[in-house]
C-alpha atoms as a PDB file:
ATOM      1  CA  MET A   1     132.986  51.706 125.902  1.00  0.00           C
ATOM      2  CA  TRP A   2     134.634  52.212 129.231  1.00  0.00           C
ATOM      3  CA  VAL A   3     137.106  50.151 131.303  1.00  0.00           C
ATOM      4  CA  ILE A   4     136.480  49.073 134.732  1.00  0.00           C
ATOM      5  CA  ASN A   5     139.110  49.588 136.804  1.00  0.00           C
ATOM      6  CA  ARG A   6     139.468  47.560 140.178  1.00  0.00           C
ATOM      7  CA  HIS A   7     140.243  50.333 142.431  1.00  0.00           C
ATOM      8  CA  GLN A   8     137.169  52.817 141.351  1.00  0.00           C
ATOM      9  CA  THR A   9     134.175  53.032 143.458  1.00  0.00           C
ATOM     10  CA  SER A  10     130.711  51.573 143.243  1.00  0.00           C
ATOM     11  CA  SER A  11     129.436  55.369 142.774  1.00  0.00           C
ATOM     12  CA  GLU A  12     132.274  55.921 140.096  1.00  0.00           C
ATOM     13  CA  LEU A  13     130.964  52.792 138.314  1.00  0.00           C
ATOM     14  CA  TYR A  14     127.259  53.912 138.684  1.00  0.00           C
ATOM     15  CA  ALA A  15     128.066  57.085 137.318  1.00  0.00           C
ATOM     16  CA  LYS A  16     129.855  55.460 134.312  1.00  0.00           C
ATOM     17  CA  LEU A  17     126.817  53.349 133.767  1.00  0.00           C
ATOM     18  CA  ALA A  18     124.243  56.198 134.089  1.00  0.00           C
ATOM     19  CA  VAL A  19     126.610  58.218 131.363  1.00  0.00           C
ATOM     20  CA  SER A  20     126.366  54.808 128.893  1.00  0.00           C
ATOM     21  CA  TYR A  21     122.492  54.525 129.332  1.00  0.00           C
ATOM     22  CA  GLU A  22     122.156  58.170 128.713  1.00  0.00           C
ATOM     23  CA  GLN A  23     124.424  57.412 125.241  1.00  0.00           C
ATOM     24  CA  LEU A  24     122.273  54.422 124.799  1.00  0.00           C
ATOM     25  CA  ASN A  25     118.846  56.202 125.005  1.00  0.00           C
ATOM     26  CA  LYS A  26     119.797  58.952 122.912  1.00  0.00           C
ATOM     27  CA  ILE A  27     121.177  56.590 119.975  1.00  0.00           C
ATOM     28  CA  ASP A  28     117.587  54.796 120.460  1.00  0.00           C
ATOM     29  CA  GLN A  29     115.491  58.090 120.180  1.00  0.00           C
ATOM     30  CA  GLU A  30     117.556  59.458 117.282  1.00  0.00           C
ATOM     31  CA  GLN A  31     116.480  55.911 115.595  1.00  0.00           C
ATOM     32  CA  LEU A  32     113.082  55.977 116.430  1.00  0.00           C
ATOM     33  CA  ASN A  33     112.702  59.575 115.334  1.00  0.00           C
ATOM     34  CA  SER A  34     114.571  58.595 111.819  1.00  0.00           C
ATOM     35  CA  THR A  35     112.146  55.606 111.790  1.00  0.00           C
ATOM     36  CA  GLN A  36     108.931  57.898 112.286  1.00  0.00           C
ATOM     37  CA  ASN A  37     110.449  59.861 109.520  1.00  0.00           C
ATOM     38  CA  LYS A  38     110.544  57.433 107.153  1.00  0.00           C
ATOM     39  CA  GLN A  39     107.082  56.331 108.124  1.00  0.00           C
ATOM     40  CA  ASP A  40     105.677  60.090 107.758  1.00  0.00           C
ATOM     41  CA  ARG A  41     107.214  60.200 104.431  1.00  0.00           C
ATOM     42  CA  PHE A  42     105.639  57.171 103.291  1.00  0.00           C
ATOM     43  CA  GLU A  43     102.298  57.595 104.824  1.00  0.00           C
ATOM     44  CA  VAL A  44     102.169  60.813 102.882  1.00  0.00           C
ATOM     45  CA  SER A  45     103.717  59.306  99.467  1.00  0.00           C
ATOM     46  CA  SER A  46     101.162  56.444  99.832  1.00  0.00           C
ATOM     47  CA  ALA A  47      98.012  58.294 101.000  1.00  0.00           C
ATOM     48  CA  TYR A  48      95.672  57.845  97.932  1.00  0.00           C
ATOM     49  CA  GLU A  49      91.963  57.403  97.971  1.00  0.00           C
ATOM     50  CA  VAL A  50      90.988  53.849  97.489  1.00  0.00           C
ATOM     51  CA  ASP A  51      87.741  53.239  95.535  1.00  0.00           C
ATOM     52  CA  GLU A  52      85.862  50.498  97.233  1.00  0.00           C
ATOM     53  CA  ASN A  53      84.110  49.805  93.964  1.00  0.00           C
ATOM     54  CA  ASP A  54      87.500  49.202  92.324  1.00  0.00           C
ATOM     55  CA  TYR A  55      88.380  47.103  94.910  1.00  0.00           C
ATOM     56  CA  GLN A  56      85.307  45.019  95.208  1.00  0.00           C
ATOM     57  CA  ARG A  57      85.339  44.834  91.086  1.00  0.00           C
ATOM     58  CA  VAL A  58      88.943  43.656  91.268  1.00  0.00           C
ATOM     59  CA  LEU A  59      88.438  40.973  93.924  1.00  0.00           C
ATOM     60  CA  ASN A  60      85.434  39.574  92.480  1.00  0.00           C
ATOM     61  CA  LYS A  61      87.291  39.146  89.122  1.00  0.00           C
ATOM     62  CA  PHE A  62      90.045  37.223  91.170  1.00  0.00           C
ATOM     63  CA  LYS A  63      87.343  34.991  92.700  1.00  0.00           C
ATOM     64  CA  SER A  64      85.482  34.182  89.181  1.00  0.00           C
ATOM     65  CA  THR A  65      88.785  33.458  87.776  1.00  0.00           C
ATOM     66  CA  ASP A  66      89.469  31.123  90.574  1.00  0.00           C
ATOM     67  CA  SER A  67      86.258  29.616  90.601  1.00  0.00           C
ATOM     68  CA  ASN A  68      86.448  29.090  86.571  1.00  0.00           C
ATOM     69  CA  VAL A  69      90.094  28.021  86.661  1.00  0.00           C
ATOM     70  CA  ARG A  70      89.444  25.108  89.400  1.00  0.00           C
ATOM     71  CA  ALA A  71      85.948  23.924  87.601  1.00  0.00           C
ATOM     72  CA  HIS A  72      87.883  23.782  84.110  1.00  0.00           C
ATOM     73  CA  GLU A  73      90.691  21.516  85.796  1.00  0.00           C
ATOM     74  CA  GLN A  74      88.303  19.452  87.700  1.00  0.00           C
ATOM     75  CA  THR A  75      86.337  18.691  84.706  1.00  0.00           C
ATOM     76  CA  HIS A  76      89.183  17.468  82.837  1.00  0.00           C
ATOM     77  CA  ALA A  77      90.384  15.394  85.858  1.00  0.00           C
ATOM     78  CA  SER A  78      86.939  14.038  86.393  1.00  0.00           C
ATOM     79  CA  THR A  79      86.307  12.878  82.826  1.00  0.00           C
ATOM     80  CA  THR A  80      89.731  10.849  81.975  1.00  0.00           C
ATOM     81  CA  ASN A  81      92.656   9.031  83.645  1.00  0.00           C
ATOM     82  CA  THR A  82      95.339  11.525  84.673  1.00  0.00           C
ATOM     83  CA  THR A  83      99.133  10.570  85.673  1.00  0.00           C
ATOM     84  CA  THR A  84      99.436  13.515  87.925  1.00  0.00           C
ATOM     85  CA  PRO A  85      97.275  15.569  90.277  1.00  0.00           C
ATOM     86  CA  ILE A  86      96.045  19.083  89.252  1.00  0.00           C
ATOM     87  CA  GLN A  87      98.541  21.946  89.342  1.00  0.00           C
ATOM     88  CA  TYR A  88      97.415  25.534  89.665  1.00  0.00           C
ATOM     89  CA  ASN A  89      99.502  28.951  88.959  1.00  0.00           C
ATOM     90  CA  TYR A  90      98.214  31.262  92.069  1.00  0.00           C
ATOM     91  CA  GLN A  91      98.320  35.045  92.134  1.00  0.00           C
ATOM     92  CA  MET A  92      97.957  37.318  94.694  1.00  0.00           C
ATOM     93  CA  GLY A  93      94.685  39.237  95.050  1.00  0.00           C
ATOM     94  CA  PRO A  94      94.244  42.804  96.679  1.00  0.00           C
ATOM     95  CA  ASP A  95      92.928  41.038  99.757  1.00  0.00           C
ATOM     96  CA  GLY A  96      96.367  39.466 100.409  1.00  0.00           C
ATOM     97  CA  LYS A  97      94.767  35.783  99.303  1.00  0.00           C
ATOM     98  CA  LEU A  98      96.176  33.392  96.621  1.00  0.00           C
ATOM     99  CA  TYR A  99      93.794  33.020  93.925  1.00  0.00           C
ATOM    100  CA  ALA A 100      94.181  30.160  91.088  1.00  0.00           C
ATOM    101  CA  VAL A 101      94.761  32.206  87.710  1.00  0.00           C
ATOM    102  CA  GLY A 102      95.705  29.138  85.677  1.00  0.00           C
ATOM    103  CA  GLY A 103      96.138  25.283  86.019  1.00  0.00           C
ATOM    104  CA  SER A 104      97.016  22.133  84.307  1.00  0.00           C
ATOM    105  CA  VAL A 105      96.479  18.210  84.668  1.00  0.00           C
ATOM    106  CA  ARG A 106      98.088  15.848  82.862  1.00  0.00           C
ATOM    107  CA  VAL A 107      96.047  13.272  81.362  1.00  0.00           C
ATOM    108  CA  ASP A 108      97.267   9.884  80.375  1.00  0.00           C
ATOM    109  CA  THR A 109      97.554   9.665  76.821  1.00  0.00           C
ATOM    110  CA  SER A 110      99.025   6.313  76.298  1.00  0.00           C
ATOM    111  CA  ILE A 111      97.117   4.091  73.359  1.00  0.00           C
ATOM    112  CA  PRO A 112      96.615   0.399  73.833  1.00  0.00           C
ATOM    113  CA  ASP A 113      97.746  -2.034  71.480  1.00  0.00           C
ATOM    114  CA  ASP A 114      93.944  -3.505  71.114  1.00  0.00           C
ATOM    115  CA  PRO A 115      91.927  -1.161  68.675  1.00  0.00           C
ATOM    116  CA  LYS A 116      88.656  -1.061  70.296  1.00  0.00           C
ATOM    117  CA  GLU A 117      90.446  -0.138  73.550  1.00  0.00           C
ATOM    118  CA  ALA A 118      92.683   2.452  71.584  1.00  0.00           C
ATOM    119  CA  SER A 119      89.376   3.725  70.082  1.00  0.00           C
ATOM    120  CA  TYR A 120      87.748   3.864  73.554  1.00  0.00           C
ATOM    121  CA  LYS A 121      90.550   5.906  75.076  1.00  0.00           C
ATOM    122  CA  LEU A 122      90.735   7.985  72.141  1.00  0.00           C
ATOM    123  CA  ASP A 123      86.879   9.190  72.493  1.00  0.00           C
ATOM    124  CA  LYS A 124      87.617   9.764  76.112  1.00  0.00           C
ATOM    125  CA  LEU A 125      90.501  11.896  75.488  1.00  0.00           C
ATOM    126  CA  LYS A 126      88.481  13.716  72.906  1.00  0.00           C
ATOM    127  CA  LYS A 127      85.437  14.283  75.208  1.00  0.00           C
ATOM    128  CA  SER A 128      87.610  15.381  78.022  1.00  0.00           C
ATOM    129  CA  ALA A 129      89.564  18.133  76.090  1.00  0.00           C
ATOM    130  CA  THR A 130      85.911  19.105  74.736  1.00  0.00           C
ATOM    131  CA  SER A 131      84.004  19.037  77.734  1.00  0.00           C
ATOM    132  CA  VAL A 132      84.766  22.425  79.211  1.00  0.00           C
ATOM    133  CA  ASP A 133      82.955  25.525  78.616  1.00  0.00           C
ATOM    134  CA  GLU A 134      85.954  27.288  76.871  1.00  0.00           C
ATOM    135  CA  MET A 135      88.983  24.884  75.319  1.00  0.00           C
ATOM    136  CA  SER A 136      92.394  25.990  76.135  1.00  0.00           C
ATOM    137  CA  ALA A 137      95.262  25.787  73.409  1.00  0.00           C
ATOM    138  CA  ALA A 138      96.428  22.558  75.071  1.00  0.00           C
ATOM    139  CA  ASP A 139      92.496  21.296  75.088  1.00  0.00           C
ATOM    140  CA  SER A 140      92.316  22.095  71.283  1.00  0.00           C
ATOM    141  CA  ALA A 141      96.084  20.133  70.463  1.00  0.00           C
ATOM    142  CA  ILE A 142      94.845  17.199  72.357  1.00  0.00           C
ATOM    143  CA  SER A 143      91.209  16.973  70.760  1.00  0.00           C
ATOM    144  CA  ILE A 144      92.959  17.259  67.569  1.00  0.00           C
ATOM    145  CA  GLN A 145      95.548  14.835  67.938  1.00  0.00           C
ATOM    146  CA  ALA A 146      92.745  12.249  69.518  1.00  0.00           C
ATOM    147  CA  ASN A 147      90.716  12.899  66.056  1.00  0.00           C
ATOM    148  CA  LEU A 148      93.824  12.245  64.198  1.00  0.00           C
ATOM    149  CA  MET A 149      94.667   9.084  65.780  1.00  0.00           C
ATOM    150  CA  LYS A 150      91.265   7.758  65.576  1.00  0.00           C
ATOM    151  CA  MET A 151      91.393   8.207  61.947  1.00  0.00           C
ATOM    152  CA  LYS A 152      94.590   6.847  61.563  1.00  0.00           C
ATOM    153  CA  LEU A 153      93.221   3.472  63.905  1.00  0.00           C
ATOM    154  CA  GLU A 154      90.023   3.746  61.799  1.00  0.00           C
ATOM    155  CA  LEU A 155      92.326   3.296  58.403  1.00  0.00           C
ATOM    156  CA  THR A 156      94.625   0.474  59.612  1.00  0.00           C
ATOM    157  CA  GLN A 157      91.546  -1.448  60.549  1.00  0.00           C
ATOM    158  CA  ASN A 158      89.553  -1.103  57.580  1.00  0.00           C
ATOM    159  CA  SER A 159      92.728  -1.907  55.363  1.00  0.00           C
ATOM    160  CA  SER A 160      93.260  -4.865  57.557  1.00  0.00           C
ATOM    161  CA  TYR A 161      90.035  -6.429  56.372  1.00  0.00           C
END
């Protein structure tokens, strides 16, 4: 850094400016070279062959999983009353896009007081849980719970007669 003296001539100021610009250019060049060396090291260390078949296989797996997860959750949402929208868990694929790898939808599990309505709703819950190709642990738990509650409901109805 330099100090300007009000008695200096303009040529002296231009000379100081030229020296300062030269110093700044030198610093910029050193930083550029340093960055370039880091990039060269990175390129060398990450220079490996990517098998296009592996890339495509992994990408297809992400796409397939995404499609299956969305269909699974949509099936649940369309077969019973839900209390929340579908929520998905995402993972970034090799192409930089996000793909659904899991999901959930909360279903209305409240049971009406009327035995006929309760029976209908329990059947609907069981159908929703079992209507998918592959049942998750949560699907199995809901199905089992619905079966048990329906059996309890039938027992209480039969014993009240």
